């Protein structure tokens, strides 16, 4: 059975490493990027099954990455979990408007994030 591929895009290496370690323990394959451009390129090249995306990224913010992917038919069905420190109502609204499927704020529970990933993929 082929593993689901999850793209993690965050500019904080500690968060990327923690997410990758935990998700790989749950038998997911992870690919990672540390800025918006890298995340967009990897998403287009690898077509992951799910994307975990920060908002505040170098080069291209998470809203723009999400919008660029969700407006292309081949990527519209890929669930995007926005994982961010931005927790204002207008941030969540903008996330919804750009096509985010689930909005989670930092600090976060790894258990809750894994459960959310599983809801989308299993």
PDB file of N, CA and C in Angstrom:
ATOM      1  N   UNK A   1       0.841  -1.189   0.000  1.00  0.00           N
ATOM      2  CA  UNK A   1       0.000   0.000   0.000  1.00  0.00           C
ATOM      3  C   UNK A   1       0.883   1.248   0.000  1.00  0.00           C
ATOM      4  N   UNK A   2       0.548   2.189  -0.848  1.00  0.00           N
ATOM      5  CA  UNK A   2       1.335   3.413  -0.968  1.00  0.00           C
ATOM      6  C   UNK A   2       0.999   4.381   0.170  1.00  0.00           C
ATOM      7  N   UNK A   3       2.029   5.014   0.703  1.00  0.00           N
ATOM      8  CA  UNK A   3       1.836   5.983   1.780  1.00  0.00           C
ATOM      9  C   UNK A   3       1.281   7.287   1.224  1.00  0.00           C
ATOM     10  N   UNK A   4       0.431   7.943   2.014  1.00  0.00           N
ATOM     11  CA  UNK A   4      -0.016   9.288   1.671  1.00  0.00           C
ATOM     12  C   UNK A   4       1.143  10.255   1.847  1.00  0.00           C
ATOM     13  N   UNK A   5       1.262  11.191   0.920  1.00  0.00           N
ATOM     14  CA  UNK A   5       2.334  12.187   0.965  1.00  0.00           C
ATOM     15  C   UNK A   5       1.790  13.484   1.547  1.00  0.00           C
ATOM     16  N   UNK A   6       2.492  14.008   2.541  1.00  0.00           N
ATOM     17  CA  UNK A   6       2.123  15.276   3.171  1.00  0.00           C
ATOM     18  C   UNK A   6       3.250  16.269   2.952  1.00  0.00           C
ATOM     19  N   UNK A   7       2.893  17.431   2.430  1.00  0.00           N
ATOM     20  CA  UNK A   7       3.845  18.529   2.262  1.00  0.00           C
ATOM     21  C   UNK A   7       3.724  19.449   3.471  1.00  0.00           C
ATOM     22  N   UNK A   8       4.836  19.669   4.149  1.00  0.00           N
ATOM     23  CA  UNK A   8       4.894  20.579   5.300  1.00  0.00           C
ATOM     24  C   UNK A   8       5.656  21.820   4.860  1.00  0.00           C
ATOM     25  N   UNK A   9       5.018  22.993   4.968  1.00  0.00           N
ATOM     26  CA  UNK A   9       5.658  24.251   4.579  1.00  0.00           C
ATOM     27  C   UNK A   9       5.632  25.189   5.783  1.00  0.00           C
ATOM     28  N   UNK A  10       6.801  25.391   6.383  1.00  0.00           N
ATOM     29  CA  UNK A  10       6.928  26.263   7.551  1.00  0.00           C
ATOM     30  C   UNK A  10       8.372  26.733   7.619  1.00  0.00           C
ATOM     31  N   UNK A  11       8.585  27.976   8.026  1.00  0.00           N
ATOM     32  CA  UNK A  11       9.952  28.506   8.086  1.00  0.00           C
ATOM     33  C   UNK A  11      10.633  28.245   9.428  1.00  0.00           C
ATOM     34  N   UNK A  12       9.970  27.529  10.319  1.00  0.00           N
ATOM     35  CA  UNK A  12      10.557  27.186  11.614  1.00  0.00           C
ATOM     36  C   UNK A  12      11.009  25.723  11.590  1.00  0.00           C
ATOM     37  N   UNK A  13      12.327  25.477  11.480  1.00  0.00           N
ATOM     38  CA  UNK A  13      12.833  24.106  11.370  1.00  0.00           C
ATOM     39  C   UNK A  13      12.385  23.178  12.499  1.00  0.00           C
ATOM     40  N   UNK A  14      12.266  23.693  13.719  1.00  0.00           N
ATOM     41  CA  UNK A  14      11.841  22.847  14.841  1.00  0.00           C
ATOM     42  C   UNK A  14      10.417  22.328  14.638  1.00  0.00           C
ATOM     43  N   UNK A  15       9.553  23.178  14.118  1.00  0.00           N
ATOM     44  CA  UNK A  15       8.172  22.760  13.863  1.00  0.00           C
ATOM     45  C   UNK A  15       8.138  21.742  12.729  1.00  0.00           C
ATOM     46  N   UNK A  16       8.877  22.013  11.663  1.00  0.00           N
ATOM     47  CA  UNK A  16       8.925  21.078  10.534  1.00  0.00           C
ATOM     48  C   UNK A  16       9.408  19.712  11.010  1.00  0.00           C
ATOM     49  N   UNK A  17      10.476  19.701  11.793  1.00  0.00           N
ATOM     50  CA  UNK A  17      11.041  18.437  12.275  1.00  0.00           C
ATOM     51  C   UNK A  17      10.059  17.685  13.177  1.00  0.00           C
ATOM     52  N   UNK A  18       9.398  18.397  14.082  1.00  0.00           N
ATOM     53  CA  UNK A  18       8.431  17.754  14.979  1.00  0.00           C
ATOM     54  C   UNK A  18       7.264  17.163  14.192  1.00  0.00           C
ATOM     55  N   UNK A  19       6.746  17.930  13.235  1.00  0.00           N
ATOM     56  CA  UNK A  19       5.637  17.442  12.410  1.00  0.00           C
ATOM     57  C   UNK A  19       6.062  16.231  11.595  1.00  0.00           C
ATOM     58  N   UNK A  20       7.215  16.338  10.959  1.00  0.00           N
ATOM     59  CA  UNK A  20       7.690  15.248  10.114  1.00  0.00           C
ATOM     60  C   UNK A  20       7.893  13.968  10.928  1.00  0.00           C
ATOM     61  N   UNK A  21       8.537  14.089  12.068  1.00  0.00           N
ATOM     62  CA  UNK A  21       8.784  12.918  12.915  1.00  0.00           C
ATOM     63  C   UNK A  21       7.480  12.246  13.318  1.00  0.00           C
ATOM     64  N   UNK A  22       6.537  13.038  13.789  1.00  0.00           N
ATOM     65  CA  UNK A  22       5.262  12.473  14.265  1.00  0.00           C
ATOM     66  C   UNK A  22       4.446  11.872  13.127  1.00  0.00           C
ATOM     67  N   UNK A  23       4.386  12.563  12.003  1.00  0.00           N
ATOM     68  CA  UNK A  23       3.596  12.051  10.880  1.00  0.00           C
ATOM     69  C   UNK A  23       4.220  10.794  10.279  1.00  0.00           C
ATOM     70  N   UNK A  24       5.532  10.727  10.254  1.00  0.00           N
ATOM     71  CA  UNK A  24       6.190   9.516   9.758  1.00  0.00           C
ATOM     72  C   UNK A  24       5.954   8.338  10.705  1.00  0.00           C
ATOM     73  N   UNK A  25       5.835   8.606  12.006  1.00  0.00           N
ATOM     74  CA  UNK A  25       5.479   7.554  12.963  1.00  0.00           C
ATOM     75  C   UNK A  25       4.087   6.997  12.668  1.00  0.00           C
ATOM     76  N   UNK A  26       3.248   7.838  12.085  1.00  0.00           N
ATOM     77  CA  UNK A  26       1.879   7.438  11.739  1.00  0.00           C
ATOM     78  C   UNK A  26       1.807   6.862  10.318  1.00  0.00           C
ATOM     79  N   UNK A  27       2.964   6.604   9.721  1.00  0.00           N
ATOM     80  CA  UNK A  27       3.088   5.968   8.408  1.00  0.00           C
ATOM     81  C   UNK A  27       2.719   6.882   7.233  1.00  0.00           C
ATOM     82  N   UNK A  28       2.919   8.178   7.398  1.00  0.00           N
ATOM     83  CA  UNK A  28       2.784   9.117   6.289  1.00  0.00           C
ATOM     84  C   UNK A  28       4.172   9.434   5.754  1.00  0.00           C
ATOM     85  N   UNK A  29       4.248   9.725   4.467  1.00  0.00           N
ATOM     86  CA  UNK A  29       5.503  10.196   3.879  1.00  0.00           C
ATOM     87  C   UNK A  29       5.471  11.718   3.882  1.00  0.00           C
ATOM     88  N   UNK A  30       6.549  12.356   4.307  1.00  0.00           N
ATOM     89  CA  UNK A  30       6.587  13.816   4.390  1.00  0.00           C
ATOM     90  C   UNK A  30       7.639  14.394   3.459  1.00  0.00           C
ATOM     91  N   UNK A  31       7.267  15.491   2.824  1.00  0.00           N
ATOM     92  CA  UNK A  31       8.214  16.315   2.085  1.00  0.00           C
ATOM     93  C   UNK A  31       8.113  17.709   2.685  1.00  0.00           C
ATOM     94  N   UNK A  32       9.210  18.464   2.651  1.00  0.00           N
ATOM     95  CA  UNK A  32       9.223  19.728   3.391  1.00  0.00           C
ATOM     96  C   UNK A  32       9.772  20.878   2.560  1.00  0.00           C
ATOM     97  N   UNK A  33       9.294  22.069   2.907  1.00  0.00           N
ATOM     98  CA  UNK A  33       9.808  23.313   2.335  1.00  0.00           C
ATOM     99  C   UNK A  33       9.790  24.358   3.438  1.00  0.00           C
ATOM    100  N   UNK A  34      10.694  25.328   3.326  1.00  0.00           N
ATOM    101  CA  UNK A  34      10.848  26.335   4.381  1.00  0.00           C
ATOM    102  C   UNK A  34      10.463  27.745   3.930  1.00  0.00           C
ATOM    103  N   UNK A  35       9.944  27.874   2.710  1.00  0.00           N
ATOM    104  CA  UNK A  35       9.454  29.169   2.235  1.00  0.00           C
ATOM    105  C   UNK A  35       8.319  28.934   1.240  1.00  0.00           C
ATOM    106  N   UNK A  36       7.603  30.007   0.928  1.00  0.00           N
ATOM    107  CA  UNK A  36       6.435  29.888   0.071  1.00  0.00           C
ATOM    108  C   UNK A  36       6.741  29.409  -1.335  1.00  0.00           C
ATOM    109  N   UNK A  37       7.788  29.942  -1.941  1.00  0.00           N
ATOM    110  CA  UNK A  37       8.134  29.519  -3.299  1.00  0.00           C
ATOM    111  C   UNK A  37       8.491  28.040  -3.349  1.00  0.00           C
ATOM    112  N   UNK A  38       9.291  27.595  -2.386  1.00  0.00           N
ATOM    113  CA  UNK A  38       9.666  26.186  -2.326  1.00  0.00           C
ATOM    114  C   UNK A  38       8.457  25.286  -2.121  1.00  0.00           C
ATOM    115  N   UNK A  39       7.541  25.724  -1.273  1.00  0.00           N
ATOM    116  CA  UNK A  39       6.320  24.958  -1.035  1.00  0.00           C
ATOM    117  C   UNK A  39       5.463  24.853  -2.281  1.00  0.00           C
ATOM    118  N   UNK A  40       5.323  25.959  -2.990  1.00  0.00           N
ATOM    119  CA  UNK A  40       4.529  25.969  -4.217  1.00  0.00           C
ATOM    120  C   UNK A  40       5.150  25.058  -5.272  1.00  0.00           C
ATOM    121  N   UNK A  41       6.460  25.143  -5.428  1.00  0.00           N
ATOM    122  CA  UNK A  41       7.153  24.294  -6.402  1.00  0.00           C
ATOM    123  C   UNK A  41       7.003  22.815  -6.059  1.00  0.00           C
ATOM    124  N   UNK A  42       7.186  22.465  -4.785  1.00  0.00           N
ATOM    125  CA  UNK A  42       7.042  21.063  -4.375  1.00  0.00           C
ATOM    126  C   UNK A  42       5.610  20.570  -4.556  1.00  0.00           C
ATOM    127  N   UNK A  43       4.639  21.401  -4.222  1.00  0.00           N
ATOM    128  CA  UNK A  43       3.239  21.010  -4.391  1.00  0.00           C
ATOM    129  C   UNK A  43       2.942  20.713  -5.856  1.00  0.00           C
ATOM    130  N   UNK A  44       3.416  21.559  -6.738  1.00  0.00           N
ATOM    131  CA  UNK A  44       3.168  21.357  -8.172  1.00  0.00           C
ATOM    132  C   UNK A  44       3.910  20.139  -8.714  1.00  0.00           C
ATOM    133  N   UNK A  45       5.114  19.899  -8.215  1.00  0.00           N
ATOM    134  CA  UNK A  45       5.920  18.782  -8.721  1.00  0.00           C
ATOM    135  C   UNK A  45       5.471  17.432  -8.158  1.00  0.00           C
ATOM    136  N   UNK A  46       5.135  17.393  -6.876  1.00  0.00           N
ATOM    137  CA  UNK A  46       4.861  16.117  -6.200  1.00  0.00           C
ATOM    138  C   UNK A  46       3.382  15.806  -6.020  1.00  0.00           C
ATOM    139  N   UNK A  47       2.517  16.810  -6.146  1.00  0.00           N
ATOM    140  CA  UNK A  47       1.077  16.649  -5.943  1.00  0.00           C
ATOM    141  C   UNK A  47       0.773  15.845  -4.669  1.00  0.00           C
ATOM    142  N   UNK A  48       1.086  16.425  -3.511  1.00  0.00           N
ATOM    143  CA  UNK A  48       0.875  15.705  -2.244  1.00  0.00           C
ATOM    144  C   UNK A  48      -0.606  15.444  -1.981  1.00  0.00           C
ATOM    145  N   UNK A  49      -0.863  14.553  -1.042  1.00  0.00           N
ATOM    146  CA  UNK A  49      -2.239  14.230  -0.670  1.00  0.00           C
ATOM    147  C   UNK A  49      -2.820  15.252   0.302  1.00  0.00           C
ATOM    148  N   UNK A  50      -1.948  15.997   0.996  1.00  0.00           N
ATOM    149  CA  UNK A  50      -2.366  17.013   1.963  1.00  0.00           C
ATOM    150  C   UNK A  50      -1.203  17.974   2.170  1.00  0.00           C
ATOM    151  N   UNK A  51      -1.534  19.236   2.464  1.00  0.00           N
ATOM    152  CA  UNK A  51      -0.509  20.252   2.707  1.00  0.00           C
ATOM    153  C   UNK A  51      -0.758  20.888   4.074  1.00  0.00           C
ATOM    154  N   UNK A  52       0.300  20.987   4.870  1.00  0.00           N
ATOM    155  CA  UNK A  52       0.277  21.746   6.126  1.00  0.00           C
ATOM    156  C   UNK A  52       1.079  23.007   5.849  1.00  0.00           C
ATOM    157  N   UNK A  53       0.438  24.167   5.991  1.00  0.00           N
ATOM    158  CA  UNK A  53       0.988  25.417   5.480  1.00  0.00           C
ATOM    159  C   UNK A  53       0.936  26.527   6.524  1.00  0.00           C
ATOM    160  N   UNK A  54       2.062  27.173   6.750  1.00  0.00           N
ATOM    161  CA  UNK A  54       2.126  28.351   7.617  1.00  0.00           C
ATOM    162  C   UNK A  54       1.714  29.576   6.797  1.00  0.00           C
ATOM    163  N   UNK A  55       1.311  30.643   7.443  1.00  0.00           N
ATOM    164  CA  UNK A  55       0.983  31.885   6.732  1.00  0.00           C
ATOM    165  C   UNK A  55       2.229  32.729   6.529  1.00  0.00           C
ATOM    166  N   UNK A  56       2.949  32.971   7.614  1.00  0.00           N
ATOM    167  CA  UNK A  56       4.078  33.905   7.564  1.00  0.00           C
ATOM    168  C   UNK A  56       5.334  33.184   7.083  1.00  0.00           C
ATOM    169  N   UNK A  57       5.539  33.235   5.771  1.00  0.00           N
ATOM    170  CA  UNK A  57       6.660  32.549   5.128  1.00  0.00           C
ATOM    171  C   UNK A  57       7.498  33.536   4.333  1.00  0.00           C
ATOM    172  N   UNK A  58       8.791  33.260   4.189  1.00  0.00           N
ATOM    173  CA  UNK A  58       9.614  34.089   3.299  1.00  0.00           C
ATOM    174  C   UNK A  58       9.162  33.929   1.843  1.00  0.00           C
ATOM    175  N   UNK A  59       9.376  34.950   1.054  1.00  0.00           N
ATOM    176  CA  UNK A  59       9.140  34.983  -0.394  1.00  0.00           C
ATOM    177  C   UNK A  59       7.678  35.074  -0.807  1.00  0.00           C
ATOM    178  N   UNK A  60       6.866  34.153  -0.348  1.00  0.00           N
ATOM    179  CA  UNK A  60       5.466  34.086  -0.760  1.00  0.00           C
ATOM    180  C   UNK A  60       4.683  33.603   0.457  1.00  0.00           C
ATOM    181  N   UNK A  61       3.706  34.391   0.929  1.00  0.00           N
ATOM    182  CA  UNK A  61       3.016  33.977   2.152  1.00  0.00           C
ATOM    183  C   UNK A  61       2.055  32.811   1.893  1.00  0.00           C
ATOM    184  N   UNK A  62       1.633  32.188   2.974  1.00  0.00           N
ATOM    185  CA  UNK A  62       0.776  31.015   2.877  1.00  0.00           C
ATOM    186  C   UNK A  62      -0.553  31.279   2.197  1.00  0.00           C
ATOM    187  N   UNK A  63      -1.127  32.465   2.377  1.00  0.00           N
ATOM    188  CA  UNK A  63      -2.376  32.796   1.693  1.00  0.00           C
ATOM    189  C   UNK A  63      -2.192  32.734   0.177  1.00  0.00           C
ATOM    190  N   UNK A  64      -1.092  33.311  -0.306  1.00  0.00           N
ATOM    191  CA  UNK A  64      -0.842  33.321  -1.751  1.00  0.00           C
ATOM    192  C   UNK A  64      -0.580  31.915  -2.272  1.00  0.00           C
ATOM    193  N   UNK A  65       0.181  31.126  -1.517  1.00  0.00           N
ATOM    194  CA  UNK A  65       0.432  29.739  -1.921  1.00  0.00           C
ATOM    195  C   UNK A  65      -0.900  28.998  -2.038  1.00  0.00           C
ATOM    196  N   UNK A  66      -1.741  29.137  -1.026  1.00  0.00           N
ATOM    197  CA  UNK A  66      -3.040  28.476  -1.024  1.00  0.00           C
ATOM    198  C   UNK A  66      -3.882  28.926  -2.215  1.00  0.00           C
ATOM    199  N   UNK A  67      -3.962  30.219  -2.422  1.00  0.00           N
ATOM    200  CA  UNK A  67      -4.764  30.760  -3.519  1.00  0.00           C
ATOM    201  C   UNK A  67      -4.265  30.250  -4.868  1.00  0.00           C
ATOM    202  N   UNK A  68      -2.958  30.278  -5.078  1.00  0.00           N
ATOM    203  CA  UNK A  68      -2.396  29.821  -6.349  1.00  0.00           C
ATOM    204  C   UNK A  68      -2.702  28.344  -6.599  1.00  0.00           C
ATOM    205  N   UNK A  69      -2.671  27.541  -5.556  1.00  0.00           N
ATOM    206  CA  UNK A  69      -2.980  26.119  -5.723  1.00  0.00           C
ATOM    207  C   UNK A  69      -4.476  25.879  -5.906  1.00  0.00           C
ATOM    208  N   UNK A  70      -5.290  26.513  -5.100  1.00  0.00           N
ATOM    209  CA  UNK A  70      -6.730  26.245  -5.139  1.00  0.00           C
ATOM    210  C   UNK A  70      -7.402  26.768  -6.411  1.00  0.00           C
ATOM    211  N   UNK A  71      -6.760  27.693  -7.116  1.00  0.00           N
ATOM    212  CA  UNK A  71      -7.333  28.187  -8.361  1.00  0.00           C
ATOM    213  C   UNK A  71      -6.888  27.376  -9.571  1.00  0.00           C
ATOM    214  N   UNK A  72      -6.115  26.328  -9.345  1.00  0.00           N
ATOM    215  CA  UNK A  72      -5.742  25.414 -10.421  1.00  0.00           C
ATOM    216  C   UNK A  72      -6.513  24.119 -10.208  1.00  0.00           C
ATOM    217  N   UNK A  73      -7.241  23.696 -11.217  1.00  0.00           N
ATOM    218  CA  UNK A  73      -8.143  22.555 -11.088  1.00  0.00           C
ATOM    219  C   UNK A  73      -7.461  21.308 -10.524  1.00  0.00           C
ATOM    220  N   UNK A  74      -6.239  21.026 -10.964  1.00  0.00           N
ATOM    221  CA  UNK A  74      -5.577  19.791 -10.541  1.00  0.00           C
ATOM    222  C   UNK A  74      -5.190  19.779  -9.059  1.00  0.00           C
ATOM    223  N   UNK A  75      -5.222  20.941  -8.402  1.00  0.00           N
ATOM    224  CA  UNK A  75      -4.838  21.017  -6.989  1.00  0.00           C
ATOM    225  C   UNK A  75      -6.010  21.344  -6.068  1.00  0.00           C
ATOM    226  N   UNK A  76      -7.178  21.597  -6.612  1.00  0.00           N
ATOM    227  CA  UNK A  76      -8.316  22.043  -5.811  1.00  0.00           C
ATOM    228  C   UNK A  76      -8.731  21.050  -4.738  1.00  0.00           C
ATOM    229  N   UNK A  77      -8.540  19.776  -4.992  1.00  0.00           N
ATOM    230  CA  UNK A  77      -9.002  18.754  -4.042  1.00  0.00           C
ATOM    231  C   UNK A  77      -7.965  18.393  -2.981  1.00  0.00           C
ATOM    232  N   UNK A  78      -6.778  18.977  -3.062  1.00  0.00           N
ATOM    233  CA  UNK A  78      -5.762  18.704  -2.043  1.00  0.00           C
ATOM    234  C   UNK A  78      -6.120  19.495  -0.783  1.00  0.00           C
ATOM    235  N   UNK A  79      -6.377  18.817   0.335  1.00  0.00           N
ATOM    236  CA  UNK A  79      -6.700  19.547   1.561  1.00  0.00           C
ATOM    237  C   UNK A  79      -5.495  20.361   2.050  1.00  0.00           C
ATOM    238  N   UNK A  80      -5.781  21.574   2.498  1.00  0.00           N
ATOM    239  CA  UNK A  80      -4.741  22.435   3.058  1.00  0.00           C
ATOM    240  C   UNK A  80      -5.114  22.778   4.494  1.00  0.00           C
ATOM    241  N   UNK A  81      -4.216  22.412   5.407  1.00  0.00           N
ATOM    242  CA  UNK A  81      -4.357  22.778   6.815  1.00  0.00           C
ATOM    243  C   UNK A  81      -3.439  23.968   7.052  1.00  0.00           C
ATOM    244  N   UNK A  82      -4.019  25.092   7.428  1.00  0.00           N
ATOM    245  CA  UNK A  82      -3.233  26.281   7.746  1.00  0.00           C
ATOM    246  C   UNK A  82      -2.831  26.187   9.211  1.00  0.00           C
ATOM    247  N   UNK A  83      -1.526  26.140   9.459  1.00  0.00           N
ATOM    248  CA  UNK A  83      -0.987  26.040  10.818  1.00  0.00           C
ATOM    249  C   UNK A  83      -0.185  27.305  11.083  1.00  0.00           C
ATOM    250  N   UNK A  84      -0.722  28.188  11.924  1.00  0.00           N
ATOM    251  CA  UNK A  84      -0.161  29.528  12.039  1.00  0.00           C
ATOM    252  C   UNK A  84      -0.316  30.121  13.432  1.00  0.00           C
ATOM    253  N   UNK A  85       0.505  31.100  13.728  1.00  0.00           N
ATOM    254  CA  UNK A  85       0.381  31.846  14.982  1.00  0.00           C
ATOM    255  C   UNK A  85      -0.685  32.938  14.874  1.00  0.00           C
ATOM    256  N   UNK A  86      -1.136  33.235  13.669  1.00  0.00           N
ATOM    257  CA  UNK A  86      -2.128  34.303  13.475  1.00  0.00           C
ATOM    258  C   UNK A  86      -3.516  33.770  13.818  1.00  0.00           C
ATOM    259  N   UNK A  87      -4.123  34.372  14.847  1.00  0.00           N
ATOM    260  CA  UNK A  87      -5.382  33.825  15.351  1.00  0.00           C
ATOM    261  C   UNK A  87      -6.550  34.812  15.361  1.00  0.00           C
ATOM    262  N   UNK A  88      -6.413  35.915  14.658  1.00  0.00           N
ATOM    263  CA  UNK A  88      -7.508  36.888  14.613  1.00  0.00           C
ATOM    264  C   UNK A  88      -8.600  36.413  13.654  1.00  0.00           C
ATOM    265  N   UNK A  89      -9.811  36.893  13.887  1.00  0.00           N
ATOM    266  CA  UNK A  89     -10.946  36.502  13.053  1.00  0.00           C
ATOM    267  C   UNK A  89     -10.700  36.831  11.585  1.00  0.00           C
ATOM    268  N   UNK A  90     -10.079  37.982  11.318  1.00  0.00           N
ATOM    269  CA  UNK A  90      -9.834  38.356   9.916  1.00  0.00           C
ATOM    270  C   UNK A  90      -8.807  37.440   9.248  1.00  0.00           C
ATOM    271  N   UNK A  91      -7.879  36.887  10.038  1.00  0.00           N
ATOM    272  CA  UNK A  91      -6.919  35.924   9.490  1.00  0.00           C
ATOM    273  C   UNK A  91      -7.636  34.645   9.072  1.00  0.00           C
ATOM    274  N   UNK A  92      -8.522  34.175   9.936  1.00  0.00           N
ATOM    275  CA  UNK A  92      -9.298  32.969   9.623  1.00  0.00           C
ATOM    276  C   UNK A  92     -10.185  33.199   8.401  1.00  0.00           C
ATOM    277  N   UNK A  93     -10.812  34.363   8.341  1.00  0.00           N
ATOM    278  CA  UNK A  93     -11.676  34.685   7.207  1.00  0.00           C
ATOM    279  C   UNK A  93     -10.881  34.701   5.909  1.00  0.00           C
ATOM    280  N   UNK A  94      -9.728  35.320   5.926  1.00  0.00           N
ATOM    281  CA  UNK A  94      -8.888  35.344   4.736  1.00  0.00           C
ATOM    282  C   UNK A  94      -8.468  33.927   4.353  1.00  0.00           C
ATOM    283  N   UNK A  95      -8.189  33.100   5.345  1.00  0.00           N
ATOM    284  CA  UNK A  95      -7.879  31.700   5.069  1.00  0.00           C
ATOM    285  C   UNK A  95      -9.025  31.002   4.357  1.00  0.00           C
ATOM    286  N   UNK A  96     -10.236  31.197   4.848  1.00  0.00           N
ATOM    287  CA  UNK A  96     -11.412  30.608   4.199  1.00  0.00           C
ATOM    288  C   UNK A  96     -11.560  31.119   2.772  1.00  0.00           C
ATOM    289  N   UNK A  97     -11.354  32.410   2.585  1.00  0.00           N
ATOM    290  CA  UNK A  97     -11.506  33.007   1.259  1.00  0.00           C
ATOM    291  C   UNK A  97     -10.465  32.507   0.264  1.00  0.00           C
ATOM    292  N   UNK A  98      -9.308  32.098   0.751  1.00  0.00           N
ATOM    293  CA  UNK A  98      -8.267  31.611  -0.153  1.00  0.00           C
ATOM    294  C   UNK A  98      -8.347  30.105  -0.369  1.00  0.00           C
ATOM    295  N   UNK A  99      -9.247  29.426   0.345  1.00  0.00           N
ATOM    296  CA  UNK A  99      -9.457  28.006   0.099  1.00  0.00           C
ATOM    297  C   UNK A  99      -8.912  27.057   1.142  1.00  0.00           C
ATOM    298  N   UNK A 100      -8.500  27.573   2.298  1.00  0.00           N
ATOM    299  CA  UNK A 100      -7.997  26.714   3.371  1.00  0.00           C
ATOM    300  C   UNK A 100      -9.116  25.765   3.816  1.00  0.00           C
ATOM    301  N   UNK A 101      -8.763  24.503   4.024  1.00  0.00           N
ATOM    302  CA  UNK A 101      -9.748  23.508   4.442  1.00  0.00           C
ATOM    303  C   UNK A 101      -9.877  23.408   5.957  1.00  0.00           C
ATOM    304  N   UNK A 102      -8.805  23.724   6.685  1.00  0.00           N
ATOM    305  CA  UNK A 102      -8.835  23.668   8.146  1.00  0.00           C
ATOM    306  C   UNK A 102      -7.815  24.667   8.672  1.00  0.00           C
ATOM    307  N   UNK A 103      -8.178  25.407   9.706  1.00  0.00           N
ATOM    308  CA  UNK A 103      -7.326  26.460  10.262  1.00  0.00           C
ATOM    309  C   UNK A 103      -6.966  26.082  11.692  1.00  0.00           C
ATOM    310  N   UNK A 104      -5.673  25.956  11.984  1.00  0.00           N
ATOM    311  CA  UNK A 104      -5.205  25.590  13.324  1.00  0.00           C
ATOM    312  C   UNK A 104      -4.144  26.592  13.767  1.00  0.00           C
ATOM    313  N   UNK A 105      -4.241  27.032  15.019  1.00  0.00           N
ATOM    314  CA  UNK A 105      -3.296  28.040  15.493  1.00  0.00           C
ATOM    315  C   UNK A 105      -2.198  27.431  16.363  1.00  0.00           C
ATOM    316  N   UNK A 106      -1.038  28.092  16.327  1.00  0.00           N
ATOM    317  CA  UNK A 106       0.102  27.750  17.186  1.00  0.00           C
ATOM    318  C   UNK A 106      -0.048  28.536  18.485  1.00  0.00           C
ATOM    319  N   UNK A 107       0.331  27.994  19.618  1.00  0.00           N
ATOM    320  CA  UNK A 107       0.807  26.630  19.804  1.00  0.00           C
ATOM    321  C   UNK A 107      -0.315  25.632  19.536  1.00  0.00           C
ATOM    322  N   UNK A 108       0.071  24.418  19.172  1.00  0.00           N
ATOM    323  CA  UNK A 108      -0.902  23.423  18.760  1.00  0.00           C
ATOM    324  C   UNK A 108      -0.566  22.077  19.394  1.00  0.00           C
ATOM    325  N   UNK A 109      -1.536  21.198  19.365  1.00  0.00           N
ATOM    326  CA  UNK A 109      -1.362  19.836  19.861  1.00  0.00           C
ATOM    327  C   UNK A 109      -1.022  18.933  18.677  1.00  0.00           C
ATOM    328  N   UNK A 110       0.103  18.226  18.769  1.00  0.00           N
ATOM    329  CA  UNK A 110       0.456  17.276  17.710  1.00  0.00           C
ATOM    330  C   UNK A 110      -0.623  16.206  17.561  1.00  0.00           C
ATOM    331  N   UNK A 111      -1.198  15.770  18.676  1.00  0.00           N
ATOM    332  CA  UNK A 111      -2.256  14.757  18.613  1.00  0.00           C
ATOM    333  C   UNK A 111      -3.460  15.273  17.829  1.00  0.00           C
ATOM    334  N   UNK A 112      -3.854  16.507  18.080  1.00  0.00           N
ATOM    335  CA  UNK A 112      -4.987  17.103  17.365  1.00  0.00           C
ATOM    336  C   UNK A 112      -4.661  17.254  15.882  1.00  0.00           C
ATOM    337  N   UNK A 113      -3.451  17.678  15.567  1.00  0.00           N
ATOM    338  CA  UNK A 113      -3.064  17.834  14.170  1.00  0.00           C
ATOM    339  C   UNK A 113      -3.073  16.487  13.452  1.00  0.00           C
ATOM    340  N   UNK A 114      -2.515  15.464  14.073  1.00  0.00           N
ATOM    341  CA  UNK A 114      -2.507  14.130  13.462  1.00  0.00           C
ATOM    342  C   UNK A 114      -3.940  13.632  13.261  1.00  0.00           C
ATOM    343  N   UNK A 115      -4.804  13.842  14.241  1.00  0.00           N
ATOM    344  CA  UNK A 115      -6.206  13.436  14.109  1.00  0.00           C
ATOM    345  C   UNK A 115      -6.875  14.160  12.941  1.00  0.00           C
ATOM    346  N   UNK A 116      -6.570  15.440  12.770  1.00  0.00           N
ATOM    347  CA  UNK A 116      -7.137  16.216  11.667  1.00  0.00           C
ATOM    348  C   UNK A 116      -6.623  15.701  10.329  1.00  0.00           C
ATOM    349  N   UNK A 117      -5.336  15.417  10.244  1.00  0.00           N
ATOM    350  CA  UNK A 117      -4.760  14.850   9.018  1.00  0.00           C
ATOM    351  C   UNK A 117      -5.467  13.542   8.672  1.00  0.00           C
ATOM    352  N   UNK A 118      -5.649  12.695   9.659  1.00  0.00           N
ATOM    353  CA  UNK A 118      -6.306  11.404   9.425  1.00  0.00           C
ATOM    354  C   UNK A 118      -7.750  11.575   8.974  1.00  0.00           C
ATOM    355  N   UNK A 119      -8.438  12.583   9.502  1.00  0.00           N
ATOM    356  CA  UNK A 119      -9.815  12.836   9.066  1.00  0.00           C
ATOM    357  C   UNK A 119      -9.860  13.139   7.572  1.00  0.00           C
ATOM    358  N   UNK A 120      -8.881  13.867   7.082  1.00  0.00           N
ATOM    359  CA  UNK A 120      -8.854  14.212   5.667  1.00  0.00           C
ATOM    360  C   UNK A 120      -8.405  13.048   4.786  1.00  0.00           C
ATOM    361  N   UNK A 121      -7.518  12.200   5.288  1.00  0.00           N
ATOM    362  CA  UNK A 121      -6.875  11.214   4.419  1.00  0.00           C
ATOM    363  C   UNK A 121      -7.329   9.771   4.603  1.00  0.00           C
ATOM    364  N   UNK A 122      -7.852   9.429   5.761  1.00  0.00           N
ATOM    365  CA  UNK A 122      -8.185   8.018   5.992  1.00  0.00           C
ATOM    366  C   UNK A 122      -9.681   7.782   6.047  1.00  0.00           C
TER     367      UNK A 122
END
